[in-house]
Amino acid sequence: MRELVVLGTASQVPTRQRNHNGYLLRWDSEGLLFDPGEGTQRQMQFAGVSATGLTRICLTHFHGDHCLGLPGVLARLNLDQVPHPVDVCYPGSGQVFYERLRDVVPWFPGLRERPIAAEGPITLGDAAFTLEAVRLSHRIDTFGYRLVEPDGRRMLPDRLAALGIVGPDIGRLQREGTLRLADGRVVTVDEVSTPRRGQRFAFVMDTRMCSGVEELAQDADMLVIEATFLDADAALAHEFGHLTAAEAARVAAAAGVRTLVLTHFSQRYSELEGHRAEASKYFDGELIVAEDLMRVPLPTRR
């Protein structure tokens, strides 16, 4: 299963309808938790997702609405005796803030810390995808994240059947690239498959428009991006290092994004139809104005 579970959609101040940030990406057997704000552990309960499903935690920066839920999540990992390691990725320049958050709860023995010093791939070791960090433009050190699945190949059942390739031989052909048939002919994997493009997920929070936003969004199957303000407040957005719904939509359209998820809304907006209307002017793909506890499936492969 590949889906986004939205745990919270508020920006600096939560509202009656919106919890602080929190986004769980369920990606096959992995669970990547992005920017757990205050109350994330409780929102996980409401959403019906378990701490035992978490494998990575990714912080974009150390403003409270993006990280104050981390201690509760770490405590829950320890309480539930989660048996596997969990990576925590965060800007290395905020090490002192990270340690304060980490050290107020019992130590989780499976914790693997991945401080980010510069842009580029993050060393994970055991992941079936690449996780990249890209610098953004906010008031403090901030990184966005992009998950990239390697390209593969899709096996074609009709071609396999025509050649009599069945059962374990299919797996052997996929692993080794070639297979010798009973009549001596050698079949290559290219003959019985087509290219399958790996999926891409991008996560952009708390930034004014910059090259990093464009880089993260490029060719994303799903882009989760802040849309704190509307264009009427564009000057305020730029001053405090945020995006408007229109800016998010324009960059998504230019980057070829398939599913655009807007979130991180200012408390000044009691309803969000303005965000939808503004984004719709520029983006004609699947547009989601996120709500707490919403589940958004990743689009099917291209």
C-alpha atoms as a PDB file:
ATOM      1  CA  MET A   1       0.000   0.000   0.000  1.00  0.00           C
ATOM      2  CA  ARG A   2       1.211   3.474  -0.856  1.00  0.00           C
ATOM      3  CA  GLU A   3      -0.756   6.333   0.649  1.00  0.00           C
ATOM      4  CA  LEU A   4      -0.432   9.576   2.560  1.00  0.00           C
ATOM      5  CA  VAL A   5      -2.136   9.725   5.957  1.00  0.00           C
ATOM      6  CA  VAL A   6      -2.643  13.370   6.930  1.00  0.00           C
ATOM      7  CA  LEU A   7      -2.333  13.748  10.704  1.00  0.00           C
ATOM      8  CA  GLY A   8      -2.453  17.550  10.898  1.00  0.00           C
ATOM      9  CA  THR A   9      -2.747  20.550   8.588  1.00  0.00           C
ATOM     10  CA  ALA A  10      -2.292  23.657  10.762  1.00  0.00           C
ATOM     11  CA  SER A  11       0.646  26.013  10.606  1.00  0.00           C
ATOM     12  CA  GLN A  12       1.971  27.856  13.670  1.00  0.00           C
ATOM     13  CA  VAL A  13      -1.312  27.891  15.590  1.00  0.00           C
ATOM     14  CA  PRO A  14      -3.649  24.866  15.648  1.00  0.00           C
ATOM     15  CA  THR A  15      -7.387  25.436  15.338  1.00  0.00           C
ATOM     16  CA  ARG A  16     -10.505  23.557  16.374  1.00  0.00           C
ATOM     17  CA  GLN A  17     -10.433  21.739  13.037  1.00  0.00           C
ATOM     18  CA  ARG A  18      -6.690  21.488  12.391  1.00  0.00           C
ATOM     19  CA  ASN A  19      -4.007  19.827  14.459  1.00  0.00           C
ATOM     20  CA  HIS A  20      -0.379  20.804  14.117  1.00  0.00           C
ATOM     21  CA  ASN A  21       1.536  19.225  11.226  1.00  0.00           C
ATOM     22  CA  GLY A  22       2.026  15.506  10.811  1.00  0.00           C
ATOM     23  CA  TYR A  23       2.175  13.372   7.660  1.00  0.00           C
ATOM     24  CA  LEU A  24       2.640   9.616   7.445  1.00  0.00           C
ATOM     25  CA  LEU A  25       3.695   8.191   4.095  1.00  0.00           C
ATOM     26  CA  ARG A  26       2.903   4.488   3.919  1.00  0.00           C
ATOM     27  CA  TRP A  27       5.183   3.062   1.245  1.00  0.00           C
ATOM     28  CA  ASP A  28       4.944  -0.724   0.942  1.00  0.00           C
ATOM     29  CA  SER A  29       6.432  -2.039   4.209  1.00  0.00           C
ATOM     30  CA  GLU A  30       7.825   1.382   5.189  1.00  0.00           C
ATOM     31  CA  GLY A  31       6.259   4.163   7.229  1.00  0.00           C
ATOM     32  CA  LEU A  32       7.838   7.613   6.886  1.00  0.00           C
ATOM     33  CA  LEU A  33       6.612  10.209   9.371  1.00  0.00           C
ATOM     34  CA  PHE A  34       7.223  13.796   8.269  1.00  0.00           C
ATOM     35  CA  ASP A  35       7.246  16.824  10.612  1.00  0.00           C
ATOM     36  CA  PRO A  36       5.448  15.471  13.693  1.00  0.00           C
ATOM     37  CA  GLY A  37       4.010  18.552  15.382  1.00  0.00           C
ATOM     38  CA  GLU A  38       2.376  18.710  18.788  1.00  0.00           C
ATOM     39  CA  GLY A  39      -0.350  16.093  19.218  1.00  0.00           C
ATOM     40  CA  THR A  40       0.923  13.731  16.529  1.00  0.00           C
ATOM     41  CA  GLN A  41       0.792  10.653  18.758  1.00  0.00           C
ATOM     42  CA  ARG A  42      -2.899  11.271  19.475  1.00  0.00           C
ATOM     43  CA  GLN A  43      -3.660  11.924  15.806  1.00  0.00           C
ATOM     44  CA  MET A  44      -2.062   8.581  14.972  1.00  0.00           C
ATOM     45  CA  GLN A  45      -4.573   6.965  17.314  1.00  0.00           C
ATOM     46  CA  PHE A  46      -7.467   8.694  15.559  1.00  0.00           C
ATOM     47  CA  ALA A  47      -6.089   7.677  12.149  1.00  0.00           C
ATOM     48  CA  GLY A  48      -5.653   4.060  13.196  1.00  0.00           C
ATOM     49  CA  VAL A  49      -1.937   3.899  12.488  1.00  0.00           C
ATOM     50  CA  SER A  50       0.553   2.284  14.823  1.00  0.00           C
ATOM     51  CA  ALA A  51       3.997   3.346  15.983  1.00  0.00           C
ATOM     52  CA  THR A  52       5.230  -0.128  15.086  1.00  0.00           C
ATOM     53  CA  GLY A  53       4.715   0.777  11.429  1.00  0.00           C
ATOM     54  CA  LEU A  54       7.199   3.663  11.554  1.00  0.00           C
ATOM     55  CA  THR A  55      10.595   3.118   9.933  1.00  0.00           C
ATOM     56  CA  ARG A  56      11.789   6.718   9.282  1.00  0.00           C
ATOM     57  CA  ILE A  57      11.092  10.131  10.788  1.00  0.00           C
ATOM     58  CA  CYS A  58      11.974  13.231   8.780  1.00  0.00           C
ATOM     59  CA  LEU A  59      12.098  16.769  10.185  1.00  0.00           C
ATOM     60  CA  THR A  60      12.326  19.706   7.794  1.00  0.00           C
ATOM     61  CA  HIS A  61      13.352  22.204  10.503  1.00  0.00           C
ATOM     62  CA  PHE A  62      13.102  22.984  14.202  1.00  0.00           C
ATOM     63  CA  HIS A  63      10.102  25.286  14.464  1.00  0.00           C
ATOM     64  CA  GLY A  64       7.690  23.911  17.036  1.00  0.00           C
ATOM     65  CA  ASP A  65       4.775  23.117  14.752  1.00  0.00           C
ATOM     66  CA  HIS A  66       7.073  20.746  12.855  1.00  0.00           C
ATOM     67  CA  CYS A  67       8.884  18.967  15.682  1.00  0.00           C
ATOM     68  CA  LEU A  68       7.215  19.247  19.107  1.00  0.00           C
ATOM     69  CA  GLY A  69       5.482  15.894  18.581  1.00  0.00           C
ATOM     70  CA  LEU A  70       8.810  14.095  18.244  1.00  0.00           C
ATOM     71  CA  PRO A  71       9.271  13.299  21.973  1.00  0.00           C
ATOM     72  CA  GLY A  72       5.864  11.648  22.194  1.00  0.00           C
ATOM     73  CA  VAL A  73       6.520   9.559  19.105  1.00  0.00           C
ATOM     74  CA  LEU A  74       9.940   8.463  20.384  1.00  0.00           C
ATOM     75  CA  ALA A  75       8.432   7.593  23.754  1.00  0.00           C
ATOM     76  CA  ARG A  76       5.781   5.505  22.019  1.00  0.00           C
ATOM     77  CA  LEU A  77       8.403   3.631  19.993  1.00  0.00           C
ATOM     78  CA  ASN A  78      10.089   2.723  23.268  1.00  0.00           C
ATOM     79  CA  LEU A  79       6.853   1.884  25.094  1.00  0.00           C
ATOM     80  CA  ASP A  80       5.655  -0.402  22.296  1.00  0.00           C
ATOM     81  CA  GLN A  81       9.095  -2.042  22.103  1.00  0.00           C
ATOM     82  CA  VAL A  82       9.259  -1.534  18.355  1.00  0.00           C
ATOM     83  CA  PRO A  83      11.649  -4.297  17.236  1.00  0.00           C
ATOM     84  CA  HIS A  84      13.206  -2.638  14.191  1.00  0.00           C
ATOM     85  CA  PRO A  85      15.479   0.416  13.894  1.00  0.00           C
ATOM     86  CA  VAL A  86      13.990   3.814  13.068  1.00  0.00           C
ATOM     87  CA  ASP A  87      15.975   6.526  11.277  1.00  0.00           C
ATOM     88  CA  VAL A  88      15.510  10.163  12.300  1.00  0.00           C
ATOM     89  CA  CYS A  89      16.583  12.677   9.655  1.00  0.00           C
ATOM     90  CA  TYR A  90      16.956  16.347  10.601  1.00  0.00           C
ATOM     91  CA  PRO A  91      19.050  19.442   9.835  1.00  0.00           C
ATOM     92  CA  GLY A  92      22.385  18.920  11.533  1.00  0.00           C
ATOM     93  CA  SER A  93      22.643  22.613  12.392  1.00  0.00           C
ATOM     94  CA  GLY A  94      19.791  22.058  14.844  1.00  0.00           C
ATOM     95  CA  GLN A  95      21.558  19.278  16.752  1.00  0.00           C
ATOM     96  CA  VAL A  96      21.107  20.974  20.119  1.00  0.00           C
ATOM     97  CA  PHE A  97      17.346  21.296  19.560  1.00  0.00           C
ATOM     98  CA  TYR A  98      17.104  17.694  18.421  1.00  0.00           C
ATOM     99  CA  GLU A  99      18.923  16.469  21.537  1.00  0.00           C
ATOM    100  CA  ARG A 100      16.593  18.449  23.804  1.00  0.00           C
ATOM    101  CA  LEU A 101      13.579  16.834  22.162  1.00  0.00           C
ATOM    102  CA  ARG A 102      15.138  13.371  22.237  1.00  0.00           C
ATOM    103  CA  ASP A 103      16.347  13.479  25.823  1.00  0.00           C
ATOM    104  CA  VAL A 104      13.068  14.338  27.567  1.00  0.00           C
ATOM    105  CA  VAL A 105      11.822  10.762  27.033  1.00  0.00           C
ATOM    106  CA  PRO A 106      13.283   7.286  27.644  1.00  0.00           C
ATOM    107  CA  TRP A 107      15.874   6.294  25.070  1.00  0.00           C
ATOM    108  CA  PHE A 108      14.580   4.163  22.206  1.00  0.00           C
ATOM    109  CA  PRO A 109      17.354   1.619  21.506  1.00  0.00           C
ATOM    110  CA  GLY A 110      16.547   1.326  17.805  1.00  0.00           C
ATOM    111  CA  LEU A 111      17.119   5.023  17.103  1.00  0.00           C
ATOM    112  CA  ARG A 112      19.450   5.800  14.199  1.00  0.00           C
ATOM    113  CA  GLU A 113      20.244   9.495  13.875  1.00  0.00           C
ATOM    114  CA  ARG A 114      20.831  10.960  10.417  1.00  0.00           C
ATOM    115  CA  PRO A 115      21.790  14.642  10.749  1.00  0.00           C
ATOM    116  CA  ILE A 116      21.807  16.450   7.408  1.00  0.00           C
ATOM    117  CA  ALA A 117      24.792  18.700   6.738  1.00  0.00           C
ATOM    118  CA  ALA A 118      24.267  19.342   3.030  1.00  0.00           C
ATOM    119  CA  GLU A 119      21.979  18.606   0.114  1.00  0.00           C
ATOM    120  CA  GLY A 120      21.982  15.158  -1.439  1.00  0.00           C
ATOM    121  CA  PRO A 121      21.052  11.535  -0.738  1.00  0.00           C
ATOM    122  CA  ILE A 122      20.671  10.504   2.894  1.00  0.00           C
ATOM    123  CA  THR A 123      22.484   7.313   3.862  1.00  0.00           C
ATOM    124  CA  LEU A 124      19.859   4.797   4.964  1.00  0.00           C
ATOM    125  CA  GLY A 125      21.447   1.524   3.912  1.00  0.00           C
ATOM    126  CA  ASP A 126      18.429  -0.772   3.970  1.00  0.00           C
ATOM    127  CA  ALA A 127      15.831   1.174   1.959  1.00  0.00           C
ATOM    128  CA  ALA A 128      14.422   0.137  -1.423  1.00  0.00           C
ATOM    129  CA  PHE A 129      14.374   3.797  -2.448  1.00  0.00           C
ATOM    130  CA  THR A 130      16.576   6.876  -2.339  1.00  0.00           C
ATOM    131  CA  LEU A 131      15.724   9.650   0.128  1.00  0.00           C
ATOM    132  CA  GLU A 132      17.172  13.017  -0.837  1.00  0.00           C
ATOM    133  CA  ALA A 133      17.378  16.291   1.087  1.00  0.00           C
ATOM    134  CA  VAL A 134      17.178  19.652  -0.701  1.00  0.00           C
ATOM    135  CA  ARG A 135      17.742  23.024   0.939  1.00  0.00           C
ATOM    136  CA  LEU A 136      14.809  25.444   1.171  1.00  0.00           C
ATOM    137  CA  SER A 137      14.515  29.167   1.996  1.00  0.00           C
ATOM    138  CA  HIS A 138      12.990  29.793   5.416  1.00  0.00           C
ATOM    139  CA  ARG A 139      13.966  31.790   8.486  1.00  0.00           C
ATOM    140  CA  ILE A 140      16.120  28.957   9.831  1.00  0.00           C
ATOM    141  CA  ASP A 141      17.952  26.015   8.276  1.00  0.00           C
ATOM    142  CA  THR A 142      15.301  23.972   6.421  1.00  0.00           C
ATOM    143  CA  PHE A 143      15.363  20.968   4.086  1.00  0.00           C
ATOM    144  CA  GLY A 144      12.692  19.395   1.935  1.00  0.00           C
ATOM    145  CA  TYR A 145      12.646  15.693   1.121  1.00  0.00           C
ATOM    146  CA  ARG A 146      12.217  13.660  -2.047  1.00  0.00           C
ATOM    147  CA  LEU A 147      11.728   9.898  -2.152  1.00  0.00           C
ATOM    148  CA  VAL A 148      12.728   8.280  -5.451  1.00  0.00           C
ATOM    149  CA  GLU A 149      12.035   4.667  -6.339  1.00  0.00           C
ATOM    150  CA  PRO A 150      14.487   3.093  -8.819  1.00  0.00           C
ATOM    151  CA  ASP A 151      13.174   2.443 -12.303  1.00  0.00           C
ATOM    152  CA  GLY A 152      12.303  -1.173 -12.992  1.00  0.00           C
ATOM    153  CA  ARG A 153      10.581  -3.340 -15.577  1.00  0.00           C
ATOM    154  CA  ARG A 154       7.046  -4.683 -15.863  1.00  0.00           C
ATOM    155  CA  MET A 155       6.836  -8.294 -16.977  1.00  0.00           C
ATOM    156  CA  LEU A 156       4.408  -8.996 -19.853  1.00  0.00           C
ATOM    157  CA  PRO A 157       2.346 -12.167 -19.172  1.00  0.00           C
ATOM    158  CA  ASP A 158       1.428 -12.741 -22.824  1.00  0.00           C
ATOM    159  CA  ARG A 159       5.070 -12.779 -23.962  1.00  0.00           C
ATOM    160  CA  LEU A 160       6.092 -15.006 -21.058  1.00  0.00           C
ATOM    161  CA  ALA A 161       3.296 -17.439 -21.880  1.00  0.00           C
ATOM    162  CA  ALA A 162       4.198 -17.512 -25.582  1.00  0.00           C
ATOM    163  CA  LEU A 163       7.725 -18.609 -24.660  1.00  0.00           C
ATOM    164  CA  GLY A 164       6.563 -21.068 -22.014  1.00  0.00           C
ATOM    165  CA  ILE A 165       8.266 -19.212 -19.182  1.00  0.00           C
ATOM    166  CA  VAL A 166       6.425 -19.936 -15.927  1.00  0.00           C
ATOM    167  CA  GLY A 167       6.904 -20.250 -12.179  1.00  0.00           C
ATOM    168  CA  PRO A 168      10.405 -19.863 -10.721  1.00  0.00           C
ATOM    169  CA  ASP A 169      11.875 -19.205 -14.161  1.00  0.00           C
ATOM    170  CA  ILE A 170      10.185 -15.790 -14.212  1.00  0.00           C
ATOM    171  CA  GLY A 171      11.956 -14.761 -11.021  1.00  0.00           C
ATOM    172  CA  ARG A 172      15.239 -16.147 -12.287  1.00  0.00           C
ATOM    173  CA  LEU A 173      14.905 -14.134 -15.495  1.00  0.00           C
ATOM    174  CA  GLN A 174      14.191 -10.970 -13.494  1.00  0.00           C
ATOM    175  CA  ARG A 175      17.180 -11.497 -11.202  1.00  0.00           C
ATOM    176  CA  GLU A 176      19.746 -12.622 -13.766  1.00  0.00           C
ATOM    177  CA  GLY A 177      18.568 -10.732 -16.851  1.00  0.00           C
ATOM    178  CA  THR A 178      18.696 -13.781 -19.148  1.00  0.00           C
ATOM    179  CA  LEU A 179      17.215 -17.277 -19.236  1.00  0.00           C
ATOM    180  CA  ARG A 180      18.164 -20.278 -21.396  1.00  0.00           C
ATOM    181  CA  LEU A 181      15.103 -22.179 -22.639  1.00  0.00           C
ATOM    182  CA  ALA A 182      14.864 -25.941 -23.124  1.00  0.00           C
ATOM    183  CA  ASP A 183      15.487 -25.541 -26.876  1.00  0.00           C
ATOM    184  CA  GLY A 184      18.723 -23.667 -26.187  1.00  0.00           C
ATOM    185  CA  ARG A 185      17.443 -20.204 -27.008  1.00  0.00           C
ATOM    186  CA  VAL A 186      18.514 -17.412 -24.630  1.00  0.00           C
ATOM    187  CA  VAL A 187      15.771 -14.921 -23.713  1.00  0.00           C
ATOM    188  CA  THR A 188      16.607 -11.517 -22.250  1.00  0.00           C
ATOM    189  CA  VAL A 189      14.411  -9.707 -19.762  1.00  0.00           C
ATOM    190  CA  ASP A 190      13.990  -6.847 -22.232  1.00  0.00           C
ATOM    191  CA  GLU A 191      12.169  -9.190 -24.623  1.00  0.00           C
ATOM    192  CA  VAL A 192       9.399  -9.981 -22.132  1.00  0.00           C
ATOM    193  CA  SER A 193       9.013  -6.704 -20.255  1.00  0.00           C
ATOM    194  CA  THR A 194       8.616  -2.956 -20.619  1.00  0.00           C
ATOM    195  CA  PRO A 195      10.270  -0.154 -18.626  1.00  0.00           C
ATOM    196  CA  ARG A 196       8.491   0.763 -15.394  1.00  0.00           C
ATOM    197  CA  ARG A 197       9.270   4.223 -14.085  1.00  0.00           C
ATOM    198  CA  GLY A 198       9.869   4.419 -10.348  1.00  0.00           C
ATOM    199  CA  GLN A 199       7.477   6.578  -8.354  1.00  0.00           C
ATOM    200  CA  ARG A 200       8.487   9.872  -6.729  1.00  0.00           C
ATOM    201  CA  PHE A 201       7.172  11.628  -3.634  1.00  0.00           C
ATOM    202  CA  ALA A 202       8.166  15.151  -2.567  1.00  0.00           C
ATOM    203  CA  PHE A 203       7.644  16.981   0.712  1.00  0.00           C
ATOM    204  CA  VAL A 204       8.023  20.777   0.893  1.00  0.00           C
ATOM    205  CA  MET A 205       7.374  22.765   4.065  1.00  0.00           C
ATOM    206  CA  ASP A 206       8.043  26.305   5.303  1.00  0.00           C
ATOM    207  CA  THR A 207       9.816  28.063   2.482  1.00  0.00           C
ATOM    208  CA  ARG A 208       9.497  31.027   0.211  1.00  0.00           C
ATOM    209  CA  MET A 209       9.803  30.262  -3.497  1.00  0.00           C
ATOM    210  CA  CYS A 210      13.320  29.103  -4.384  1.00  0.00           C
ATOM    211  CA  SER A 211      15.135  26.687  -6.688  1.00  0.00           C
ATOM    212  CA  GLY A 212      14.855  23.971  -4.030  1.00  0.00           C
ATOM    213  CA  VAL A 213      11.055  23.963  -4.318  1.00  0.00           C
ATOM    214  CA  GLU A 214      11.290  23.498  -8.073  1.00  0.00           C
ATOM    215  CA  GLU A 215      13.897  20.749  -7.750  1.00  0.00           C
ATOM    216  CA  LEU A 216      11.860  18.786  -5.222  1.00  0.00           C
ATOM    217  CA  ALA A 217       8.645  19.067  -7.213  1.00  0.00           C
ATOM    218  CA  GLN A 218      10.090  17.982 -10.561  1.00  0.00           C
ATOM    219  CA  ASP A 219       8.192  14.954 -11.953  1.00  0.00           C
ATOM    220  CA  ALA A 220       6.710  14.071  -8.556  1.00  0.00           C
ATOM    221  CA  ASP A 221       3.825  11.623  -8.559  1.00  0.00           C
ATOM    222  CA  MET A 222       2.709  13.297  -5.322  1.00  0.00           C
ATOM    223  CA  LEU A 223       3.818  16.676  -3.982  1.00  0.00           C
ATOM    224  CA  VAL A 224       2.880  17.591  -0.406  1.00  0.00           C
ATOM    225  CA  ILE A 225       3.516  21.299  -0.095  1.00  0.00           C
ATOM    226  CA  GLU A 226       2.747  24.149   2.248  1.00  0.00           C
ATOM    227  CA  ALA A 227       0.199  26.744   1.125  1.00  0.00           C
ATOM    228  CA  THR A 228       0.122  28.854   4.255  1.00  0.00           C
ATOM    229  CA  PHE A 229      -1.332  31.978   2.622  1.00  0.00           C
ATOM    230  CA  LEU A 230      -3.407  33.183  -0.306  1.00  0.00           C
ATOM    231  CA  ASP A 231      -2.021  35.497  -2.969  1.00  0.00           C
ATOM    232  CA  ALA A 232      -3.651  38.517  -1.313  1.00  0.00           C
ATOM    233  CA  ASP A 233      -1.120  37.992   1.486  1.00  0.00           C
ATOM    234  CA  ALA A 234       1.850  37.209  -0.786  1.00  0.00           C
ATOM    235  CA  ALA A 235       4.036  39.941   0.742  1.00  0.00           C
ATOM    236  CA  LEU A 236       3.434  38.502   4.207  1.00  0.00           C
ATOM    237  CA  ALA A 237       4.192  35.005   2.938  1.00  0.00           C
ATOM    238  CA  HIS A 238       7.531  36.094   1.485  1.00  0.00           C
ATOM    239  CA  GLU A 239       8.482  38.046   4.605  1.00  0.00           C
ATOM    240  CA  PHE A 240       7.986  35.050   6.883  1.00  0.00           C
ATOM    241  CA  GLY A 241       9.302  32.438   4.474  1.00  0.00           C
ATOM    242  CA  HIS A 242       6.120  30.781   3.219  1.00  0.00           C
ATOM    243  CA  LEU A 243       4.226  29.996   0.020  1.00  0.00           C
ATOM    244  CA  THR A 244       0.778  30.904  -1.243  1.00  0.00           C
ATOM    245  CA  ALA A 245      -1.646  28.416  -2.782  1.00  0.00           C
ATOM    246  CA  ALA A 246      -1.071  30.012  -6.180  1.00  0.00           C
ATOM    247  CA  GLU A 247       2.714  29.704  -5.910  1.00  0.00           C
ATOM    248  CA  ALA A 248       2.439  26.050  -4.920  1.00  0.00           C
ATOM    249  CA  ALA A 249       0.092  25.338  -7.828  1.00  0.00           C
ATOM    250  CA  ARG A 250       2.248  27.140 -10.370  1.00  0.00           C
ATOM    251  CA  VAL A 251       5.381  25.248  -9.406  1.00  0.00           C
ATOM    252  CA  ALA A 252       3.466  21.945  -9.438  1.00  0.00           C
ATOM    253  CA  ALA A 253       2.113  22.623 -12.924  1.00  0.00           C
ATOM    254  CA  ALA A 254       5.551  23.558 -14.268  1.00  0.00           C
ATOM    255  CA  ALA A 255       7.145  20.474 -12.690  1.00  0.00           C
ATOM    256  CA  GLY A 256       4.649  17.962 -14.073  1.00  0.00           C
ATOM    257  CA  VAL A 257       3.274  16.934 -10.663  1.00  0.00           C
ATOM    258  CA  ARG A 258       0.422  14.427 -10.840  1.00  0.00           C
ATOM    259  CA  THR A 259      -1.196  14.766  -7.383  1.00  0.00           C
ATOM    260  CA  LEU A 260      -0.836  18.069  -5.523  1.00  0.00           C
ATOM    261  CA  VAL A 261      -1.592  18.110  -1.783  1.00  0.00           C
ATOM    262  CA  LEU A 262      -1.874  21.580  -0.211  1.00  0.00           C
ATOM    263  CA  THR A 263      -1.493  21.889   3.556  1.00  0.00           C
ATOM    264  CA  HIS A 264      -0.013  23.936   6.469  1.00  0.00           C
ATOM    265  CA  PHE A 265      -2.771  26.546   6.513  1.00  0.00           C
ATOM    266  CA  SER A 266      -2.660  29.771   8.532  1.00  0.00           C
ATOM    267  CA  GLN A 267      -5.240  30.115  11.280  1.00  0.00           C
ATOM    268  CA  ARG A 268      -6.462  33.302   9.593  1.00  0.00           C
ATOM    269  CA  TYR A 269      -8.392  31.159   7.099  1.00  0.00           C
ATOM    270  CA  SER A 270     -11.422  29.558   8.733  1.00  0.00           C
ATOM    271  CA  GLU A 271     -12.346  27.795   5.482  1.00  0.00           C
ATOM    272  CA  LEU A 272     -10.196  26.751   2.546  1.00  0.00           C
ATOM    273  CA  GLU A 273     -12.274  27.137  -0.593  1.00  0.00           C
ATOM    274  CA  GLY A 274     -10.127  30.145  -1.440  1.00  0.00           C
ATOM    275  CA  HIS A 275      -7.057  27.894  -1.513  1.00  0.00           C
ATOM    276  CA  ARG A 276      -8.778  25.435  -3.815  1.00  0.00           C
ATOM    277  CA  ALA A 277     -10.034  28.158  -6.157  1.00  0.00           C
ATOM    278  CA  GLU A 278      -6.668  29.887  -6.294  1.00  0.00           C
ATOM    279  CA  ALA A 279      -4.707  26.686  -6.965  1.00  0.00           C
ATOM    280  CA  SER A 280      -7.203  25.504  -9.588  1.00  0.00           C
ATOM    281  CA  LYS A 281      -6.380  28.495 -11.770  1.00  0.00           C
ATOM    282  CA  TYR A 282      -2.887  27.120 -12.377  1.00  0.00           C
ATOM    283  CA  PHE A 283      -2.981  23.358 -11.731  1.00  0.00           C
ATOM    284  CA  ASP A 284      -5.278  20.985 -13.603  1.00  0.00           C
ATOM    285  CA  GLY A 285      -4.059  17.676 -12.159  1.00  0.00           C
ATOM    286  CA  GLU A 286      -5.447  15.971  -9.073  1.00  0.00           C
ATOM    287  CA  LEU A 287      -5.725  18.726  -6.442  1.00  0.00           C
ATOM    288  CA  ILE A 288      -6.176  17.865  -2.763  1.00  0.00           C
ATOM    289  CA  VAL A 289      -6.788  20.521  -0.108  1.00  0.00           C
ATOM    290  CA  ALA A 290      -5.715  18.460   2.887  1.00  0.00           C
ATOM    291  CA  GLU A 291      -7.896  17.873   5.932  1.00  0.00           C
ATOM    292  CA  ASP A 292      -6.909  16.228   9.197  1.00  0.00           C
ATOM    293  CA  LEU A 293      -7.113  12.394   9.113  1.00  0.00           C
ATOM    294  CA  MET A 294      -7.550  12.330   5.331  1.00  0.00           C
ATOM    295  CA  ARG A 295      -5.974   9.445   3.407  1.00  0.00           C
ATOM    296  CA  VAL A 296      -4.656  10.153  -0.083  1.00  0.00           C
ATOM    297  CA  PRO A 297      -3.505   7.204  -2.244  1.00  0.00           C
ATOM    298  CA  LEU A 298      -0.516   7.698  -4.469  1.00  0.00           C
ATOM    299  CA  PRO A 299      -1.585   7.741  -8.114  1.00  0.00           C
ATOM    300  CA  THR A 300      -1.136   4.571 -10.110  1.00  0.00           C
ATOM    301  CA  ARG A 301       2.107   4.263 -12.039  1.00  0.00           C
ATOM    302  CA  ARG A 302       2.589   6.330 -15.146  1.00  0.00           C
END
